[in-house]
Amino acid sequence: MPHFTMEYSANLDGAVDFADLCRLVHKVILDTGLFELGAVRVRAIRCEAYAVADLLAENGFIDMSFRVGKGRSEEDRKRTGDAIFAAVTDFLKPQFATPHFALTLEIREIDPVLSWKKNAIHPRLRAQGA
């Protein structure tokens, strides 16, 4: 159950192709071999209201949160985070060329007792052998 969410400042519209960035993160997550295709969710959420650092209008951010189910080692989670952060950092080279951009990533484990799920995608993909 990997859920990857990017919250981003609205001033990045037009500067970052978030559809491409979501597809890149999706690929990196699957390339780890730790997650089943039918479980992967990657999304970007635009933040209209924000206040960053010294409040310059040029200041922008992407805050990435990756929630994963229990059962993966700390080493596997670290390796996954390193791979995602490296790929996203490379994708965002133009933003890092300015003194107005911040990127963060946090990985959290989902408590299985306090998590409910129902997924109709898994059976379809499993039947296809994906």
Protein backbone atom coordinates (compact mmCIF):
# COMPACT_ATOMS: atom_id res chain seq x y z
CA MET A 1 0.00 0.00 0.00
CA PRO A 2 2.46 2.66 -1.05
CA HIS A 3 0.85 6.08 -1.23
CA PHE A 4 3.08 8.88 -2.47
CA THR A 5 1.83 12.45 -2.18
CA MET A 6 3.50 15.65 -3.33
CA GLU A 7 2.14 18.91 -2.01
CA TYR A 8 3.50 21.81 -4.04
CA SER A 9 3.32 25.58 -4.11
CA ALA A 10 1.06 26.93 -6.84
CA ASN A 11 3.86 29.13 -8.18
CA LEU A 12 5.46 25.98 -9.65
CA ASP A 13 2.67 25.61 -12.21
CA GLY A 14 4.20 25.94 -15.64
CA ALA A 15 7.70 25.37 -14.27
CA VAL A 16 7.25 21.70 -13.32
CA ASP A 17 5.39 19.03 -15.29
CA PHE A 18 3.70 17.28 -12.40
CA ALA A 19 2.14 14.58 -14.60
CA ASP A 20 5.62 13.55 -15.76
CA LEU A 21 6.98 13.82 -12.23
CA CYS A 22 4.20 11.53 -10.93
CA ARG A 23 5.00 8.96 -13.63
CA LEU A 24 8.71 9.14 -12.78
CA VAL A 25 8.07 8.52 -9.07
CA HIS A 26 5.67 5.68 -9.95
CA LYS A 27 8.41 4.02 -12.02
CA VAL A 28 11.06 4.46 -9.31
CA ILE A 29 8.73 2.94 -6.70
CA LEU A 30 8.03 -0.09 -8.91
CA ASP A 31 11.71 -0.47 -9.84
CA THR A 32 12.52 -1.16 -6.18
CA GLY A 33 10.70 -4.49 -6.50
CA LEU A 34 9.16 -3.96 -3.06
CA PHE A 35 5.63 -3.01 -4.09
CA GLU A 36 2.85 -4.59 -6.13
CA LEU A 37 1.69 -2.64 -9.18
CA GLY A 38 -1.96 -2.54 -8.10
CA ALA A 39 -1.07 -0.85 -4.81
CA VAL A 40 1.00 2.10 -6.03
CA ARG A 41 -0.62 5.55 -5.83
CA VAL A 42 1.23 8.73 -6.76
CA ARG A 43 -0.43 12.14 -6.70
CA ALA A 44 0.41 15.83 -6.69
CA ILE A 45 -1.67 18.33 -4.75
CA ARG A 46 -1.46 22.03 -5.57
CA CYS A 47 -1.34 24.37 -2.58
CA GLU A 48 -2.92 27.75 -3.24
CA ALA A 49 -2.12 29.25 0.14
CA TYR A 50 1.37 28.97 1.60
CA ALA A 51 4.08 31.00 3.31
CA VAL A 52 7.66 29.97 2.62
CA ALA A 53 10.80 31.21 4.40
CA ASP A 54 11.22 34.97 3.91
CA LEU A 55 7.86 35.20 2.09
CA LEU A 56 9.28 36.09 -1.33
CA ALA A 57 6.76 35.37 -4.06
CA GLU A 58 9.41 33.32 -5.91
CA ASN A 59 9.84 30.86 -3.05
CA GLY A 60 8.44 27.47 -3.90
CA PHE A 61 8.37 23.98 -2.45
CA ILE A 62 7.51 20.37 -3.00
CA ASP A 63 6.87 18.36 0.16
CA MET A 64 6.81 14.62 -0.55
CA SER A 65 5.24 12.09 1.77
CA PHE A 66 5.49 8.34 1.19
CA ARG A 67 3.29 6.10 3.31
CA VAL A 68 4.08 2.39 3.15
CA GLY A 69 2.61 -0.65 4.86
CA LYS A 70 4.56 -2.43 7.59
CA GLY A 71 6.84 -5.27 6.65
CA ARG A 72 9.69 -3.58 4.82
CA SER A 73 13.03 -3.24 6.53
CA GLU A 74 14.50 0.12 7.43
CA GLU A 75 17.23 -0.60 4.88
CA ASP A 76 14.62 -1.16 2.13
CA ARG A 77 12.74 2.01 3.09
CA LYS A 78 16.01 3.99 3.12
CA ARG A 79 17.05 2.57 -0.26
CA THR A 80 13.63 3.46 -1.69
CA GLY A 81 13.78 6.99 -0.26
CA ASP A 82 17.29 7.50 -1.64
CA ALA A 83 16.18 6.37 -5.11
CA ILE A 84 13.08 8.56 -5.13
CA PHE A 85 14.89 11.62 -3.78
CA ALA A 86 17.73 11.25 -6.32
CA ALA A 87 15.33 10.87 -9.28
CA VAL A 88 13.15 13.81 -8.21
CA THR A 89 16.18 16.01 -7.48
CA ASP A 90 17.52 15.28 -10.97
CA PHE A 91 14.11 16.00 -12.54
CA LEU A 92 13.97 19.33 -10.70
CA LYS A 93 17.45 20.61 -11.65
CA PRO A 94 16.01 23.86 -13.06
CA GLN A 95 14.32 24.66 -9.74
CA PHE A 96 17.55 24.09 -7.81
CA ALA A 97 19.30 26.57 -10.13
CA THR A 98 17.34 29.28 -8.32
CA PRO A 99 17.73 30.32 -4.65
CA HIS A 100 13.97 29.95 -4.10
CA PHE A 101 13.16 26.23 -3.98
CA ALA A 102 12.89 23.59 -1.23
CA LEU A 103 12.30 19.84 -1.55
CA THR A 104 11.52 17.39 1.26
CA LEU A 105 10.68 13.70 1.57
CA GLU A 106 9.43 11.71 4.54
CA ILE A 107 8.61 8.00 4.63
CA ARG A 108 6.12 6.73 7.21
CA GLU A 109 4.83 3.26 8.00
CA ILE A 110 1.07 2.77 8.03
CA ASP A 111 -0.28 1.13 11.17
CA PRO A 112 -2.03 -2.05 9.93
CA VAL A 113 -4.51 -2.04 12.81
CA LEU A 114 -5.69 1.48 11.97
CA SER A 115 -5.74 1.16 8.18
CA TRP A 116 -8.71 -0.06 6.14
CA LYS A 117 -8.47 -0.92 2.43
CA LYS A 118 -10.56 -2.35 -0.38
CA ASN A 119 -8.92 -2.62 -3.79
CA ALA A 120 -10.67 -3.87 -6.92
CA ILE A 121 -7.55 -3.19 -9.02
CA HIS A 122 -5.46 -6.02 -7.51
CA PRO A 123 -7.61 -8.90 -8.80
CA ARG A 124 -7.64 -7.50 -12.35
CA LEU A 125 -3.86 -7.00 -12.47
CA ARG A 126 -3.13 -10.34 -10.81
CA ALA A 127 -5.35 -12.10 -13.38
CA GLN A 128 -3.34 -10.38 -16.14
CA GLY A 129 -0.12 -11.54 -14.53
CA ALA A 130 1.08 -7.99 -13.96
